[in-house]
Amino acid sequence: DKFGPRMVSILGGILVGIGWILAGFSN
């Protein structure tokens, strides 16, 4: 409610993408 749905969803999307990409460099 404080930051609004747009900013919160964008932040979540950035972390989702980064997490999947980093998983792709796992050893």
PDB file of all heavy atoms in Angstrom:
ATOM      1  N   ASP A   1       0.820  -1.211   0.000  1.00  0.00           N
ATOM      2  CA  ASP A   1       0.000   0.000   0.000  1.00  0.00           C
ATOM      3  C   ASP A   1       0.857   1.265   0.000  1.00  0.00           C
ATOM      4  O   ASP A   1       0.456   2.305  -0.522  1.00  0.00           O
ATOM      5  CB  ASP A   1      -0.938   0.003   1.208  1.00  0.00           C
ATOM      6  CG  ASP A   1      -2.018  -1.062   1.095  1.00  0.00           C
ATOM      7  OD1 ASP A   1      -2.413  -1.373  -0.038  1.00  0.00           O
ATOM      8  OD2 ASP A   1      -2.448  -1.585   2.134  1.00  0.00           O
ATOM      9  N   LYS A   2       2.033   1.187   0.589  1.00  0.00           N
ATOM     10  CA  LYS A   2       2.909   2.360   0.690  1.00  0.00           C
ATOM     11  C   LYS A   2       3.584   2.690  -0.636  1.00  0.00           C
ATOM     12  O   LYS A   2       3.620   3.849  -1.058  1.00  0.00           O
ATOM     13  CB  LYS A   2       3.964   2.121   1.778  1.00  0.00           C
ATOM     14  CG  LYS A   2       4.933   3.282   1.958  1.00  0.00           C
ATOM     15  CD  LYS A   2       5.934   2.989   3.069  1.00  0.00           C
ATOM     16  CE  LYS A   2       6.903   4.160   3.244  1.00  0.00           C
ATOM     17  NZ  LYS A   2       7.888   3.903   4.331  1.00  0.00           N
ATOM     18  N   PHE A   3       4.136   1.686  -1.297  1.00  0.00           N
ATOM     19  CA  PHE A   3       4.906   1.924  -2.517  1.00  0.00           C
ATOM     20  C   PHE A   3       4.109   1.703  -3.799  1.00  0.00           C
ATOM     21  O   PHE A   3       4.547   2.091  -4.878  1.00  0.00           O
ATOM     22  CB  PHE A   3       6.158   1.037  -2.528  1.00  0.00           C
ATOM     23  CG  PHE A   3       7.160   1.392  -1.475  1.00  0.00           C
ATOM     24  CD1 PHE A   3       7.237   0.663  -0.302  1.00  0.00           C
ATOM     25  CD2 PHE A   3       8.010   2.473  -1.642  1.00  0.00           C
ATOM     26  CE1 PHE A   3       8.160   0.992   0.688  1.00  0.00           C
ATOM     27  CE2 PHE A   3       8.934   2.809  -0.667  1.00  0.00           C
ATOM     28  CZ  PHE A   3       9.009   2.068   0.511  1.00  0.00           C
ATOM     29  N   GLY A   4       2.951   1.059  -3.690  1.00  0.00           N
ATOM     30  CA  GLY A   4       2.110   0.860  -4.857  1.00  0.00           C
ATOM     31  C   GLY A   4       2.452  -0.400  -5.630  1.00  0.00           C
ATOM     32  O   GLY A   4       3.589  -0.890  -5.576  1.00  0.00           O
ATOM     33  N   PRO A   5       1.486  -0.955  -6.364  1.00  0.00           N
ATOM     34  CA  PRO A   5       1.685  -2.227  -7.056  1.00  0.00           C
ATOM     35  C   PRO A   5       2.743  -2.179  -8.153  1.00  0.00           C
ATOM     36  O   PRO A   5       3.433  -3.164  -8.392  1.00  0.00           O
ATOM     37  CB  PRO A   5       0.299  -2.547  -7.618  1.00  0.00           C
ATOM     38  CG  PRO A   5      -0.425  -1.240  -7.658  1.00  0.00           C
ATOM     39  CD  PRO A   5       0.121  -0.441  -6.522  1.00  0.00           C
ATOM     40  N   ARG A   6       2.878  -1.046  -8.837  1.00  0.00           N
ATOM     41  CA  ARG A   6       3.825  -0.964  -9.956  1.00  0.00           C
ATOM     42  C   ARG A   6       5.262  -1.206  -9.503  1.00  0.00           C
ATOM     43  O   ARG A   6       5.959  -2.075 -10.026  1.00  0.00           O
ATOM     44  CB  ARG A   6       3.718   0.399 -10.632  1.00  0.00           C
ATOM     45  CG  ARG A   6       4.701   0.593 -11.786  1.00  0.00           C
ATOM     46  CD  ARG A   6       4.610   2.002 -12.328  1.00  0.00           C
ATOM     47  NE  ARG A   6       3.249   2.310 -12.731  1.00  0.00           N
ATOM     48  CZ  ARG A   6       2.702   3.511 -12.677  1.00  0.00           C
ATOM     49  NH1 ARG A   6       3.410   4.538 -12.213  1.00  0.00           N
ATOM     50  NH2 ARG A   6       1.458   3.699 -13.082  1.00  0.00           N
ATOM     51  N   MET A   7       5.716  -0.451  -8.502  1.00  0.00           N
ATOM     52  CA  MET A   7       7.106  -0.544  -8.060  1.00  0.00           C
ATOM     53  C   MET A   7       7.408  -1.896  -7.427  1.00  0.00           C
ATOM     54  O   MET A   7       8.478  -2.473  -7.654  1.00  0.00           O
ATOM     55  CB  MET A   7       7.416   0.588  -7.077  1.00  0.00           C
ATOM     56  CG  MET A   7       7.369   1.979  -7.688  1.00  0.00           C
ATOM     57  SD  MET A   7       8.454   2.139  -9.141  1.00  0.00           S
ATOM     58  CE  MET A   7      10.042   1.792  -8.407  1.00  0.00           C
ATOM     59  N   VAL A   8       6.468  -2.405  -6.645  1.00  0.00           N
ATOM     60  CA  VAL A   8       6.684  -3.691  -5.980  1.00  0.00           C
ATOM     61  C   VAL A   8       6.781  -4.818  -7.003  1.00  0.00           C
ATOM     62  O   VAL A   8       7.657  -5.683  -6.931  1.00  0.00           O
ATOM     63  CB  VAL A   8       5.554  -3.973  -4.966  1.00  0.00           C
ATOM     64  CG1 VAL A   8       5.714  -5.369  -4.366  1.00  0.00           C
ATOM     65  CG2 VAL A   8       5.564  -2.923  -3.860  1.00  0.00           C
ATOM     66  N   SER A   9       5.901  -4.802  -7.991  1.00  0.00           N
ATOM     67  CA  SER A   9       5.914  -5.849  -9.011  1.00  0.00           C
ATOM     68  C   SER A   9       7.178  -5.782  -9.873  1.00  0.00           C
ATOM     69  O   SER A   9       7.760  -6.816 -10.231  1.00  0.00           O
ATOM     70  CB  SER A   9       4.669  -5.727  -9.897  1.00  0.00           C
ATOM     71  OG  SER A   9       4.572  -6.810 -10.792  1.00  0.00           O
ATOM     72  N   ILE A  10       7.634  -4.585 -10.203  1.00  0.00           N
ATOM     73  CA  ILE A  10       8.861  -4.432 -10.989  1.00  0.00           C
ATOM     74  C   ILE A  10      10.059  -4.977 -10.216  1.00  0.00           C
ATOM     75  O   ILE A  10      10.909  -5.685 -10.770  1.00  0.00           O
ATOM     76  CB  ILE A  10       9.085  -2.956 -11.372  1.00  0.00           C
ATOM     77  CG1 ILE A  10       8.084  -2.527 -12.452  1.00  0.00           C
ATOM     78  CG2 ILE A  10      10.511  -2.729 -11.867  1.00  0.00           C
ATOM     79  CD1 ILE A  10       8.140  -1.058 -12.806  1.00  0.00           C
ATOM     80  N   LEU A  11      10.145  -4.654  -8.937  1.00  0.00           N
ATOM     81  CA  LEU A  11      11.232  -5.173  -8.109  1.00  0.00           C
ATOM     82  C   LEU A  11      11.226  -6.700  -8.096  1.00  0.00           C
ATOM     83  O   LEU A  11      12.267  -7.348  -8.254  1.00  0.00           O
ATOM     84  CB  LEU A  11      11.109  -4.644  -6.680  1.00  0.00           C
ATOM     85  CG  LEU A  11      12.106  -5.223  -5.660  1.00  0.00           C
ATOM     86  CD1 LEU A  11      13.536  -4.908  -6.070  1.00  0.00           C
ATOM     87  CD2 LEU A  11      11.812  -4.691  -4.257  1.00  0.00           C
ATOM     88  N   GLY A  12      10.028  -7.277  -7.912  1.00  0.00           N
ATOM     89  CA  GLY A  12       9.924  -8.736  -7.924  1.00  0.00           C
ATOM     90  C   GLY A  12      10.362  -9.316  -9.249  1.00  0.00           C
ATOM     91  O   GLY A  12      11.084 -10.316  -9.299  1.00  0.00           O
ATOM     92  N   GLY A  13       9.964  -8.683 -10.360  1.00  0.00           N
ATOM     93  CA  GLY A  13      10.334  -9.168 -11.684  1.00  0.00           C
ATOM     94  C   GLY A  13      11.832  -9.146 -11.919  1.00  0.00           C
ATOM     95  O   GLY A  13      12.395 -10.063 -12.533  1.00  0.00           O
ATOM     96  N   ILE A  14      12.484  -8.103 -11.436  1.00  0.00           N
ATOM     97  CA  ILE A  14      13.948  -8.008 -11.575  1.00  0.00           C
ATOM     98  C   ILE A  14      14.627  -9.174 -10.850  1.00  0.00           C
ATOM     99  O   ILE A  14      15.544  -9.815 -11.378  1.00  0.00           O
ATOM    100  CB  ILE A  14      14.451  -6.660 -11.030  1.00  0.00           C
ATOM    101  CG1 ILE A  14      13.988  -5.520 -11.947  1.00  0.00           C
ATOM    102  CG2 ILE A  14      15.974  -6.658 -10.904  1.00  0.00           C
ATOM    103  CD1 ILE A  14      14.267  -4.136 -11.396  1.00  0.00           C
ATOM    104  N   LEU A  15      14.193  -9.455  -9.627  1.00  0.00           N
ATOM    105  CA  LEU A  15      14.799 -10.541  -8.852  1.00  0.00           C
ATOM    106  C   LEU A  15      14.506 -11.906  -9.471  1.00  0.00           C
ATOM    107  O   LEU A  15      15.365 -12.797  -9.461  1.00  0.00           O
ATOM    108  CB  LEU A  15      14.289 -10.496  -7.415  1.00  0.00           C
ATOM    109  CG  LEU A  15      14.784  -9.302  -6.584  1.00  0.00           C
ATOM    110  CD1 LEU A  15      14.143  -9.302  -5.207  1.00  0.00           C
ATOM    111  CD2 LEU A  15      16.304  -9.339  -6.455  1.00  0.00           C
ATOM    112  N   VAL A  16      13.294 -12.090 -10.004  1.00  0.00           N
ATOM    113  CA  VAL A  16      12.964 -13.354 -10.674  1.00  0.00           C
ATOM    114  C   VAL A  16      13.924 -13.597 -11.834  1.00  0.00           C
ATOM    115  O   VAL A  16      14.518 -14.676 -11.975  1.00  0.00           O
ATOM    116  CB  VAL A  16      11.503 -13.358 -11.182  1.00  0.00           C
ATOM    117  CG1 VAL A  16      11.262 -14.553 -12.104  1.00  0.00           C
ATOM    118  CG2 VAL A  16      10.533 -13.403 -10.012  1.00  0.00           C
ATOM    119  N   GLY A  17      14.085 -12.589 -12.685  1.00  0.00           N
ATOM    120  CA  GLY A  17      14.966 -12.737 -13.838  1.00  0.00           C
ATOM    121  C   GLY A  17      16.402 -12.989 -13.447  1.00  0.00           C
ATOM    122  O   GLY A  17      17.063 -13.904 -13.975  1.00  0.00           O
ATOM    123  N   ILE A  18      16.918 -12.209 -12.489  1.00  0.00           N
ATOM    124  CA  ILE A  18      18.298 -12.377 -12.038  1.00  0.00           C
ATOM    125  C   ILE A  18      18.508 -13.759 -11.441  1.00  0.00           C
ATOM    126  O   ILE A  18      19.530 -14.417 -11.681  1.00  0.00           O
ATOM    127  CB  ILE A  18      18.659 -11.285 -11.011  1.00  0.00           C
ATOM    128  CG1 ILE A  18      18.742  -9.924 -11.710  1.00  0.00           C
ATOM    129  CG2 ILE A  18      19.978 -11.604 -10.318  1.00  0.00           C
ATOM    130  CD1 ILE A  18      18.960  -8.762 -10.750  1.00  0.00           C
ATOM    131  N   GLY A  19      17.542 -14.236 -10.652  1.00  0.00           N
ATOM    132  CA  GLY A  19      17.667 -15.551 -10.012  1.00  0.00           C
ATOM    133  C   GLY A  19      17.770 -16.676 -11.028  1.00  0.00           C
ATOM    134  O   GLY A  19      18.632 -17.559 -10.902  1.00  0.00           O
ATOM    135  N   TRP A  20      16.907 -16.659 -12.036  1.00  0.00           N
ATOM    136  CA  TRP A  20      16.959 -17.690 -13.081  1.00  0.00           C
ATOM    137  C   TRP A  20      18.268 -17.615 -13.847  1.00  0.00           C
ATOM    138  O   TRP A  20      18.892 -18.648 -14.158  1.00  0.00           O
ATOM    139  CB  TRP A  20      15.782 -17.520 -14.036  1.00  0.00           C
ATOM    140  CG  TRP A  20      14.510 -18.169 -13.580  1.00  0.00           C
ATOM    141  CD1 TRP A  20      13.652 -17.708 -12.627  1.00  0.00           C
ATOM    142  CD2 TRP A  20      13.962 -19.396 -14.051  1.00  0.00           C
ATOM    143  NE1 TRP A  20      12.595 -18.576 -12.476  1.00  0.00           N
ATOM    144  CE2 TRP A  20      12.753 -19.621 -13.342  1.00  0.00           C
ATOM    145  CE3 TRP A  20      14.357 -20.332 -15.007  1.00  0.00           C
ATOM    146  CZ2 TRP A  20      11.949 -20.736 -13.557  1.00  0.00           C
ATOM    147  CZ3 TRP A  20      13.556 -21.441 -15.227  1.00  0.00           C
ATOM    148  CH2 TRP A  20      12.371 -21.640 -14.504  1.00  0.00           C
ATOM    149  N   ILE A  21      18.713 -16.393 -14.171  1.00  0.00           N
ATOM    150  CA  ILE A  21      19.959 -16.234 -14.929  1.00  0.00           C
ATOM    151  C   ILE A  21      21.154 -16.742 -14.122  1.00  0.00           C
ATOM    152  O   ILE A  21      22.010 -17.472 -14.653  1.00  0.00           O
ATOM    153  CB  ILE A  21      20.164 -14.761 -15.326  1.00  0.00           C
ATOM    154  CG1 ILE A  21      19.088 -14.339 -16.340  1.00  0.00           C
ATOM    155  CG2 ILE A  21      21.559 -14.538 -15.913  1.00  0.00           C
ATOM    156  CD1 ILE A  21      19.016 -12.838 -16.588  1.00  0.00           C
ATOM    157  N   LEU A  22      21.217 -16.397 -12.841  1.00  0.00           N
ATOM    158  CA  LEU A  22      22.321 -16.868 -12.004  1.00  0.00           C
ATOM    159  C   LEU A  22      22.305 -18.389 -11.859  1.00  0.00           C
ATOM    160  O   LEU A  22      23.365 -19.026 -11.817  1.00  0.00           O
ATOM    161  CB  LEU A  22      22.258 -16.207 -10.630  1.00  0.00           C
ATOM    162  CG  LEU A  22      22.602 -14.710 -10.578  1.00  0.00           C
ATOM    163  CD1 LEU A  22      22.479 -14.189  -9.150  1.00  0.00           C
ATOM    164  CD2 LEU A  22      24.013 -14.477 -11.106  1.00  0.00           C
ATOM    165  N   ALA A  23      21.112 -18.976 -11.783  1.00  0.00           N
ATOM    166  CA  ALA A  23      21.011 -20.434 -11.705  1.00  0.00           C
ATOM    167  C   ALA A  23      21.642 -21.074 -12.934  1.00  0.00           C
ATOM    168  O   ALA A  23      22.181 -22.190 -12.862  1.00  0.00           O
ATOM    169  CB  ALA A  23      19.551 -20.858 -11.573  1.00  0.00           C
ATOM    170  N   GLY A  24      21.595 -20.370 -14.049  1.00  0.00           N
ATOM    171  CA  GLY A  24      22.174 -20.878 -15.283  1.00  0.00           C
ATOM    172  C   GLY A  24      23.683 -20.912 -15.299  1.00  0.00           C
ATOM    173  O   GLY A  24      24.286 -21.485 -16.219  1.00  0.00           O
ATOM    174  N   PHE A  25      24.315 -20.305 -14.289  1.00  0.00           N
ATOM    175  CA  PHE A  25      25.776 -20.333 -14.186  1.00  0.00           C
ATOM    176  C   PHE A  25      26.233 -21.217 -13.029  1.00  0.00           C
ATOM    177  O   PHE A  25      27.382 -21.137 -12.591  1.00  0.00           O
ATOM    178  CB  PHE A  25      26.313 -18.913 -14.002  1.00  0.00           C
ATOM    179  CG  PHE A  25      26.154 -18.041 -15.219  1.00  0.00           C
ATOM    180  CD1 PHE A  25      25.074 -17.178 -15.341  1.00  0.00           C
ATOM    181  CD2 PHE A  25      27.081 -18.105 -16.254  1.00  0.00           C
ATOM    182  CE1 PHE A  25      24.917 -16.382 -16.465  1.00  0.00           C
ATOM    183  CE2 PHE A  25      26.934 -17.314 -17.381  1.00  0.00           C
ATOM    184  CZ  PHE A  25      25.849 -16.447 -17.490  1.00  0.00           C
ATOM    185  N   SER A  26      25.336 -22.072 -12.541  1.00  0.00           N
ATOM    186  CA  SER A  26      25.652 -22.930 -11.398  1.00  0.00           C
ATOM    187  C   SER A  26      26.667 -24.009 -11.765  1.00  0.00           C
ATOM    188  O   SER A  26      26.716 -24.485 -12.894  1.00  0.00           O
ATOM    189  CB  SER A  26      24.375 -23.617 -10.880  1.00  0.00           C
ATOM    190  OG  SER A  26      23.412 -22.681 -10.474  1.00  0.00           O
ATOM    191  N   ASN A  27      27.467 -24.377 -10.751  1.00  0.00           N
ATOM    192  CA  ASN A  27      28.369 -25.526 -10.911  1.00  0.00           C
ATOM    193  C   ASN A  27      28.092 -26.599  -9.865  1.00  0.00           C
ATOM    194  O   ASN A  27      28.885 -27.501  -9.653  1.00  0.00           O
ATOM    195  CB  ASN A  27      29.837 -25.086 -10.838  1.00  0.00           C
ATOM    196  CG  ASN A  27      30.171 -24.413  -9.510  1.00  0.00           C
ATOM    197  OD1 ASN A  27      29.338 -24.364  -8.600  1.00  0.00           O
ATOM    198  ND2 ASN A  27      31.389 -23.891  -9.404  1.00  0.00           N
TER     199      ASN A  27
END
